[in-house]
PDB file of N, CA and C in Angstrom:
ATOM      1  N   MET A   1      -3.140   3.639   1.529  1.00  0.00           N
ATOM      2  CA  MET A   1      -3.084   2.336   2.090  1.00  0.00           C
ATOM      3  C   MET A   1      -2.084   2.360   3.233  1.00  0.00           C
ATOM      4  N   PHE A   2      -2.456   1.739   4.350  1.00  0.00           N
ATOM      5  CA  PHE A   2      -1.591   1.618   5.517  1.00  0.00           C
ATOM      6  C   PHE A   2      -1.277   0.138   5.693  1.00  0.00           C
ATOM      7  N   ALA A   3      -0.010  -0.220   5.846  1.00  0.00           N
ATOM      8  CA  ALA A   3       0.373  -1.616   6.016  1.00  0.00           C
ATOM      9  C   ALA A   3       1.287  -1.769   7.225  1.00  0.00           C
ATOM     10  N   THR A   4       0.919  -2.699   8.093  1.00  0.00           N
ATOM     11  CA  THR A   4       1.730  -3.043   9.257  1.00  0.00           C
ATOM     12  C   THR A   4       2.220  -4.465   9.053  1.00  0.00           C
ATOM     13  N   ALA A   5       3.523  -4.645   9.043  1.00  0.00           N
ATOM     14  CA  ALA A   5       4.118  -5.943   8.726  1.00  0.00           C
ATOM     15  C   ALA A   5       3.674  -7.028   9.693  1.00  0.00           C
ATOM     16  N   ASN A   6       3.439  -8.223   9.145  1.00  0.00           N
ATOM     17  CA  ASN A   6       3.202  -9.397   9.977  1.00  0.00           C
ATOM     18  C   ASN A   6       4.492  -9.710  10.730  1.00  0.00           C
ATOM     19  N   PRO A   7       4.387 -10.383  11.877  1.00  0.00           N
ATOM     20  CA  PRO A   7       5.607 -10.756  12.606  1.00  0.00           C
ATOM     21  C   PRO A   7       6.593 -11.487  11.683  1.00  0.00           C
ATOM     22  N   GLU A   8       7.840 -11.137  11.789  1.00  0.00           N
ATOM     23  CA  GLU A   8       8.929 -11.762  11.022  1.00  0.00           C
ATOM     24  C   GLU A   8       8.901 -11.416   9.529  1.00  0.00           C
ATOM     25  N   GLN A   9       8.040 -10.487   9.085  1.00  0.00           N
ATOM     26  CA  GLN A   9       7.962 -10.179   7.653  1.00  0.00           C
ATOM     27  C   GLN A   9       8.196  -8.704   7.335  1.00  0.00           C
ATOM     28  N   TYR A  10       8.829  -7.987   8.251  1.00  0.00           N
ATOM     29  CA  TYR A  10       9.096  -6.565   8.032  1.00  0.00           C
ATOM     30  C   TYR A  10       9.950  -6.349   6.781  1.00  0.00           C
ATOM     31  N   SER A  11      11.026  -7.120   6.654  1.00  0.00           N
ATOM     32  CA  SER A  11      11.906  -6.946   5.487  1.00  0.00           C
ATOM     33  C   SER A  11      11.188  -7.329   4.199  1.00  0.00           C
ATOM     34  N   ASP A  12      10.282  -8.316   4.257  1.00  0.00           N
ATOM     35  CA  ASP A  12       9.504  -8.686   3.075  1.00  0.00           C
ATOM     36  C   ASP A  12       8.596  -7.535   2.639  1.00  0.00           C
ATOM     37  N   LEU A  13       8.006  -6.863   3.614  1.00  0.00           N
ATOM     38  CA  LEU A  13       7.146  -5.723   3.303  1.00  0.00           C
ATOM     39  C   LEU A  13       7.942  -4.597   2.653  1.00  0.00           C
ATOM     40  N   LEU A  14       9.109  -4.299   3.184  1.00  0.00           N
ATOM     41  CA  LEU A  14       9.918  -3.221   2.603  1.00  0.00           C
ATOM     42  C   LEU A  14      10.395  -3.574   1.194  1.00  0.00           C
ATOM     43  N   LEU A  15      10.727  -4.833   0.974  1.00  0.00           N
ATOM     44  CA  LEU A  15      11.122  -5.271  -0.373  1.00  0.00           C
ATOM     45  C   LEU A  15       9.944  -5.145  -1.333  1.00  0.00           C
ATOM     46  N   LEU A  16       8.763  -5.549  -0.887  1.00  0.00           N
ATOM     47  CA  LEU A  16       7.572  -5.434  -1.723  1.00  0.00           C
ATOM     48  C   LEU A  16       7.258  -3.974  -2.018  1.00  0.00           C
ATOM     49  N   LEU A  17       7.496  -3.100  -1.062  1.00  0.00           N
ATOM     50  CA  LEU A  17       7.279  -1.671  -1.278  1.00  0.00           C
ATOM     51  C   LEU A  17       8.086  -1.167  -2.476  1.00  0.00           C
ATOM     52  N   GLU A  18       9.310  -1.653  -2.596  1.00  0.00           N
ATOM     53  CA  GLU A  18      10.171  -1.240  -3.708  1.00  0.00           C
ATOM     54  C   GLU A  18       9.806  -1.924  -5.022  1.00  0.00           C
ATOM     55  N   ARG A  19       9.311  -3.163  -4.944  1.00  0.00           N
ATOM     56  CA  ARG A  19       9.117  -3.977  -6.153  1.00  0.00           C
ATOM     57  C   ARG A  19       7.663  -4.314  -6.449  1.00  0.00           C
ATOM     58  N   CYS A  20       6.740  -3.620  -5.851  1.00  0.00           N
ATOM     59  CA  CYS A  20       5.329  -3.963  -6.036  1.00  0.00           C
ATOM     60  C   CYS A  20       4.910  -3.824  -7.499  1.00  0.00           C
ATOM     61  N   LYS A  21       3.930  -4.647  -7.863  1.00  0.00           N
ATOM     62  CA  LYS A  21       3.360  -4.584  -9.211  1.00  0.00           C
ATOM     63  C   LYS A  21       2.267  -3.527  -9.203  1.00  0.00           C
ATOM     64  N   VAL A  22       2.375  -2.595 -10.126  1.00  0.00           N
ATOM     65  CA  VAL A  22       1.405  -1.502 -10.209  1.00  0.00           C
ATOM     66  C   VAL A  22       0.577  -1.712 -11.477  1.00  0.00           C
ATOM     67  N   PRO A  23      -0.679  -2.126 -11.318  1.00  0.00           N
ATOM     68  CA  PRO A  23      -1.521  -2.358 -12.497  1.00  0.00           C
ATOM     69  C   PRO A  23      -1.768  -1.068 -13.271  1.00  0.00           C
ATOM     70  N   GLN A  24      -2.006  -1.223 -14.547  1.00  0.00           N
ATOM     71  CA  GLN A  24      -2.374  -0.075 -15.372  1.00  0.00           C
ATOM     72  C   GLN A  24      -3.682   0.489 -14.815  1.00  0.00           C
ATOM     73  N   GLY A  25      -3.752   1.784 -14.653  1.00  0.00           N
ATOM     74  CA  GLY A  25      -4.922   2.417 -14.064  1.00  0.00           C
ATOM     75  C   GLY A  25      -4.709   2.834 -12.614  1.00  0.00           C
ATOM     76  N   ILE A  26      -3.522   2.507 -12.071  1.00  0.00           N
ATOM     77  CA  ILE A  26      -3.142   2.919 -10.718  1.00  0.00           C
ATOM     78  C   ILE A  26      -2.034   3.959 -10.845  1.00  0.00           C
ATOM     79  N   THR A  27      -2.158   5.054 -10.134  1.00  0.00           N
ATOM     80  CA  THR A  27      -1.114   6.066 -10.075  1.00  0.00           C
ATOM     81  C   THR A  27      -0.618   6.154  -8.640  1.00  0.00           C
ATOM     82  N   ILE A  28       0.684   5.926  -8.447  1.00  0.00           N
ATOM     83  CA  ILE A  28       1.294   6.039  -7.126  1.00  0.00           C
ATOM     84  C   ILE A  28       1.713   7.494  -6.934  1.00  0.00           C
ATOM     85  N   HIS A  29       1.218   8.119  -5.878  1.00  0.00           N
ATOM     86  CA  HIS A  29       1.601   9.493  -5.568  1.00  0.00           C
ATOM     87  C   HIS A  29       2.752   9.547  -4.564  1.00  0.00           C
ATOM     88  N   LYS A  30       2.765   8.596  -3.623  1.00  0.00           N
ATOM     89  CA  LYS A  30       3.801   8.618  -2.585  1.00  0.00           C
ATOM     90  C   LYS A  30       3.909   7.243  -1.953  1.00  0.00           C
ATOM     91  N   LYS A  31       5.164   6.800  -1.719  1.00  0.00           N
ATOM     92  CA  LYS A  31       5.452   5.593  -0.949  1.00  0.00           C
ATOM     93  C   LYS A  31       6.278   6.037   0.250  1.00  0.00           C
ATOM     94  N   LEU A  32       5.831   5.676   1.449  1.00  0.00           N
ATOM     95  CA  LEU A  32       6.500   6.134   2.663  1.00  0.00           C
ATOM     96  C   LEU A  32       6.802   4.967   3.604  1.00  0.00           C
ATOM     97  N   LYS A  33       8.017   4.940   4.139  1.00  0.00           N
ATOM     98  CA  LYS A  33       8.353   4.069   5.264  1.00  0.00           C
ATOM     99  C   LYS A  33       8.095   4.904   6.508  1.00  0.00           C
ATOM    100  N   VAL A  34       7.461   4.314   7.504  1.00  0.00           N
ATOM    101  CA  VAL A  34       7.051   5.065   8.681  1.00  0.00           C
ATOM    102  C   VAL A  34       7.824   4.573   9.898  1.00  0.00           C
ATOM    103  N   PHE A  35       8.279   5.508  10.711  1.00  0.00           N
ATOM    104  CA  PHE A  35       8.916   5.178  11.980  1.00  0.00           C
ATOM    105  C   PHE A  35       7.789   5.022  12.992  1.00  0.00           C
ATOM    106  N   GLY A  36       7.362   3.793  13.197  1.00  0.00           N
ATOM    107  CA  GLY A  36       6.204   3.510  14.045  1.00  0.00           C
ATOM    108  C   GLY A  36       5.209   2.668  13.274  1.00  0.00           C
ATOM    109  N   LYS A  37       3.986   2.669  13.728  1.00  0.00           N
ATOM    110  CA  LYS A  37       2.942   1.884  13.075  1.00  0.00           C
ATOM    111  C   LYS A  37       1.947   2.819  12.431  1.00  0.00           C
ATOM    112  N   PRO A  38       1.540   2.584  11.222  1.00  0.00           N
ATOM    113  CA  PRO A  38       1.888   1.469  10.364  1.00  0.00           C
ATOM    114  C   PRO A  38       3.332   1.562   9.900  1.00  0.00           C
ATOM    115  N   ASP A  39       3.827   0.499   9.280  1.00  0.00           N
ATOM    116  CA  ASP A  39       5.207   0.481   8.795  1.00  0.00           C
ATOM    117  C   ASP A  39       5.350   1.149   7.437  1.00  0.00           C
ATOM    118  N   VAL A  40       4.288   1.103   6.656  1.00  0.00           N
ATOM    119  CA  VAL A  40       4.320   1.613   5.279  1.00  0.00           C
ATOM    120  C   VAL A  40       3.021   2.352   4.989  1.00  0.00           C
ATOM    121  N   VAL A  41       3.128   3.451   4.257  1.00  0.00           N
ATOM    122  CA  VAL A  41       1.957   4.165   3.742  1.00  0.00           C
ATOM    123  C   VAL A  41       2.180   4.364   2.250  1.00  0.00           C
ATOM    124  N   ILE A  42       1.162   4.035   1.474  1.00  0.00           N
ATOM    125  CA  ILE A  42       1.207   4.303   0.036  1.00  0.00           C
ATOM    126  C   ILE A  42      -0.020   5.138  -0.306  1.00  0.00           C
ATOM    127  N   VAL A  43       0.221   6.287  -0.901  1.00  0.00           N
ATOM    128  CA  VAL A  43      -0.858   7.136  -1.371  1.00  0.00           C
ATOM    129  C   VAL A  43      -0.968   6.884  -2.873  1.00  0.00           C
ATOM    130  N   PHE A  44      -2.113   6.374  -3.278  1.00  0.00           N
ATOM    131  CA  PHE A  44      -2.287   6.063  -4.692  1.00  0.00           C
ATOM    132  C   PHE A  44      -3.691   6.429  -5.147  1.00  0.00           C
ATOM    133  N   GLU A  45      -3.842   6.478  -6.457  1.00  0.00           N
ATOM    134  CA  GLU A  45      -5.121   6.770  -7.068  1.00  0.00           C
ATOM    135  C   GLU A  45      -5.455   5.617  -8.005  1.00  0.00           C
ATOM    136  N   ALA A  46      -6.695   5.167  -7.962  1.00  0.00           N
ATOM    137  CA  ALA A  46      -7.135   4.069  -8.820  1.00  0.00           C
ATOM    138  C   ALA A  46      -8.354   4.505  -9.621  1.00  0.00           C
ATOM    139  N   LYS A  47      -8.454   3.970 -10.843  1.00  0.00           N
ATOM    140  CA  LYS A  47      -9.598   4.303 -11.684  1.00  0.00           C
ATOM    141  C   LYS A  47     -10.898   3.744 -11.129  1.00  0.00           C
ATOM    142  N   ASN A  48     -10.785   2.618 -10.382  1.00  0.00           N
ATOM    143  CA  ASN A  48     -11.981   2.018  -9.798  1.00  0.00           C
ATOM    144  C   ASN A  48     -11.597   1.134  -8.608  1.00  0.00           C
ATOM    145  N   GLU A  49     -12.599   0.668  -7.897  1.00  0.00           N
ATOM    146  CA  GLU A  49     -12.362  -0.134  -6.692  1.00  0.00           C
ATOM    147  C   GLU A  49     -11.704  -1.471  -7.001  1.00  0.00           C
ATOM    148  N   GLU A  50     -12.027  -2.064  -8.139  1.00  0.00           N
ATOM    149  CA  GLU A  50     -11.441  -3.350  -8.500  1.00  0.00           C
ATOM    150  C   GLU A  50      -9.934  -3.238  -8.673  1.00  0.00           C
ATOM    151  N   LEU A  51      -9.483  -2.187  -9.335  1.00  0.00           N
ATOM    152  CA  LEU A  51      -8.044  -1.963  -9.510  1.00  0.00           C
ATOM    153  C   LEU A  51      -7.365  -1.714  -8.174  1.00  0.00           C
ATOM    154  N   ALA A  52      -8.011  -0.941  -7.327  1.00  0.00           N
ATOM    155  CA  ALA A  52      -7.452  -0.667  -6.005  1.00  0.00           C
ATOM    156  C   ALA A  52      -7.288  -1.971  -5.236  1.00  0.00           C
ATOM    157  N   ALA A  53      -8.303  -2.827  -5.258  1.00  0.00           N
ATOM    158  CA  ALA A  53      -8.239  -4.108  -4.556  1.00  0.00           C
ATOM    159  C   ALA A  53      -7.143  -5.000  -5.123  1.00  0.00           C
ATOM    160  N   GLU A  54      -6.999  -5.018  -6.438  1.00  0.00           N
ATOM    161  CA  GLU A  54      -5.949  -5.814  -7.083  1.00  0.00           C
ATOM    162  C   GLU A  54      -4.561  -5.359  -6.625  1.00  0.00           C
ATOM    163  N   PHE A  55      -4.366  -4.060  -6.543  1.00  0.00           N
ATOM    164  CA  PHE A  55      -3.079  -3.519  -6.124  1.00  0.00           C
ATOM    165  C   PHE A  55      -2.787  -3.844  -4.659  1.00  0.00           C
ATOM    166  N   VAL A  56      -3.750  -3.609  -3.799  1.00  0.00           N
ATOM    167  CA  VAL A  56      -3.571  -3.774  -2.351  1.00  0.00           C
ATOM    168  C   VAL A  56      -3.395  -5.242  -1.965  1.00  0.00           C
ATOM    169  N   LYS A  57      -4.034  -6.135  -2.698  1.00  0.00           N
ATOM    170  CA  LYS A  57      -4.024  -7.568  -2.377  1.00  0.00           C
ATOM    171  C   LYS A  57      -2.619  -8.130  -2.209  1.00  0.00           C
ATOM    172  N   GLN A  58      -1.665  -7.674  -3.017  1.00  0.00           N
ATOM    173  CA  GLN A  58      -0.305  -8.212  -2.946  1.00  0.00           C
ATOM    174  C   GLN A  58       0.367  -7.935  -1.601  1.00  0.00           C
ATOM    175  N   PHE A  59      -0.055  -6.889  -0.910  1.00  0.00           N
ATOM    176  CA  PHE A  59       0.539  -6.546   0.379  1.00  0.00           C
ATOM    177  C   PHE A  59      -0.054  -7.375   1.521  1.00  0.00           C
ATOM    178  N   GLY A  60      -1.203  -7.976   1.299  1.00  0.00           N
ATOM    179  CA  GLY A  60      -1.886  -8.738   2.321  1.00  0.00           C
ATOM    180  C   GLY A  60      -1.161  -9.997   2.760  1.00  0.00           C
ATOM    181  N   ARG A  61      -0.250 -10.510   1.940  1.00  0.00           N
ATOM    182  CA  ARG A  61       0.459 -11.739   2.323  1.00  0.00           C
ATOM    183  C   ARG A  61       1.582 -11.481   3.320  1.00  0.00           C
ATOM    184  N   VAL A  62       2.007 -10.230   3.466  1.00  0.00           N
ATOM    185  CA  VAL A  62       3.109  -9.917   4.390  1.00  0.00           C
ATOM    186  C   VAL A  62       2.729  -8.878   5.442  1.00  0.00           C
ATOM    187  N   SER A  63       1.487  -8.390   5.398  1.00  0.00           N
ATOM    188  CA  SER A  63       1.123  -7.322   6.328  1.00  0.00           C
ATOM    189  C   SER A  63      -0.379  -7.263   6.563  1.00  0.00           C
ATOM    190  N   ASP A  64      -0.740  -6.525   7.596  1.00  0.00           N
ATOM    191  CA  ASP A  64      -2.125  -6.172   7.860  1.00  0.00           C
ATOM    192  C   ASP A  64      -2.366  -4.870   7.110  1.00  0.00           C
ATOM    193  N   VAL A  65      -3.291  -4.875   6.170  1.00  0.00           N
ATOM    194  CA  VAL A  65      -3.503  -3.735   5.286  1.00  0.00           C
ATOM    195  C   VAL A  65      -4.814  -3.041   5.625  1.00  0.00           C
ATOM    196  N   ARG A  66      -4.767  -1.731   5.672  1.00  0.00           N
ATOM    197  CA  ARG A  66      -5.965  -0.899   5.875  1.00  0.00           C
ATOM    198  C   ARG A  66      -6.007   0.115   4.732  1.00  0.00           C
ATOM    199  N   THR A  67      -7.184   0.297   4.186  1.00  0.00           N
ATOM    200  CA  THR A  67      -7.335   1.305   3.133  1.00  0.00           C
ATOM    201  C   THR A  67      -8.397   2.314   3.548  1.00  0.00           C
ATOM    202  N   HIS A  68      -8.238   3.510   3.044  1.00  0.00           N
ATOM    203  CA  HIS A  68      -9.188   4.587   3.313  1.00  0.00           C
ATOM    204  C   HIS A  68      -9.377   5.397   2.044  1.00  0.00           C
ATOM    205  N   LEU A  69     -10.553   5.903   1.854  1.00  0.00           N
ATOM    206  CA  LEU A  69     -10.813   6.810   0.744  1.00  0.00           C
ATOM    207  C   LEU A  69     -10.462   8.223   1.207  1.00  0.00           C
ATOM    208  N   ALA A  70      -9.610   8.879   0.466  1.00  0.00           N
ATOM    209  CA  ALA A  70      -9.217  10.251   0.798  1.00  0.00           C
ATOM    210  C   ALA A  70      -9.689  11.181  -0.311  1.00  0.00           C
ATOM    211  N   ILE A  71     -10.173  12.336   0.078  1.00  0.00           N
ATOM    212  CA  ILE A  71     -10.662  13.317  -0.873  1.00  0.00           C
ATOM    213  C   ILE A  71      -9.870  14.599  -0.673  1.00  0.00           C
ATOM    214  N   SER A  72      -9.330  15.115  -1.761  1.00  0.00           N
ATOM    215  CA  SER A  72      -8.529  16.330  -1.715  1.00  0.00           C
ATOM    216  C   SER A  72      -9.379  17.537  -1.289  1.00  0.00           C
ATOM    217  N   VAL A  73      -8.802  18.349  -0.440  1.00  0.00           N
ATOM    218  CA  VAL A  73      -9.459  19.580  -0.009  1.00  0.00           C
ATOM    219  C   VAL A  73      -8.754  20.729  -0.700  1.00  0.00           C
ATOM    220  N   GLU A  74      -9.474  21.469  -1.455  1.00  0.00           N
ATOM    221  CA  GLU A  74      -8.895  22.578  -2.219  1.00  0.00           C
ATOM    222  C   GLU A  74      -9.123  23.890  -1.494  1.00  0.00           C
TER     223      GLU A  74
END
């Protein structure tokens, strides 16, 4: 998930990054603050799309959120 803070809500986004609610069935692999845009990247795994949407939704009130499906290359 890539999140770019809404104007005047950068600190809210960073606080949410630390205190976000992680539903059961979501595994957080990495939380990153980015120097540039986007402001935040979260690499996570979800059991299904509904759980992923539930998790990402909380960031939508303070940022523009983009999600992408990533597949591991072995």
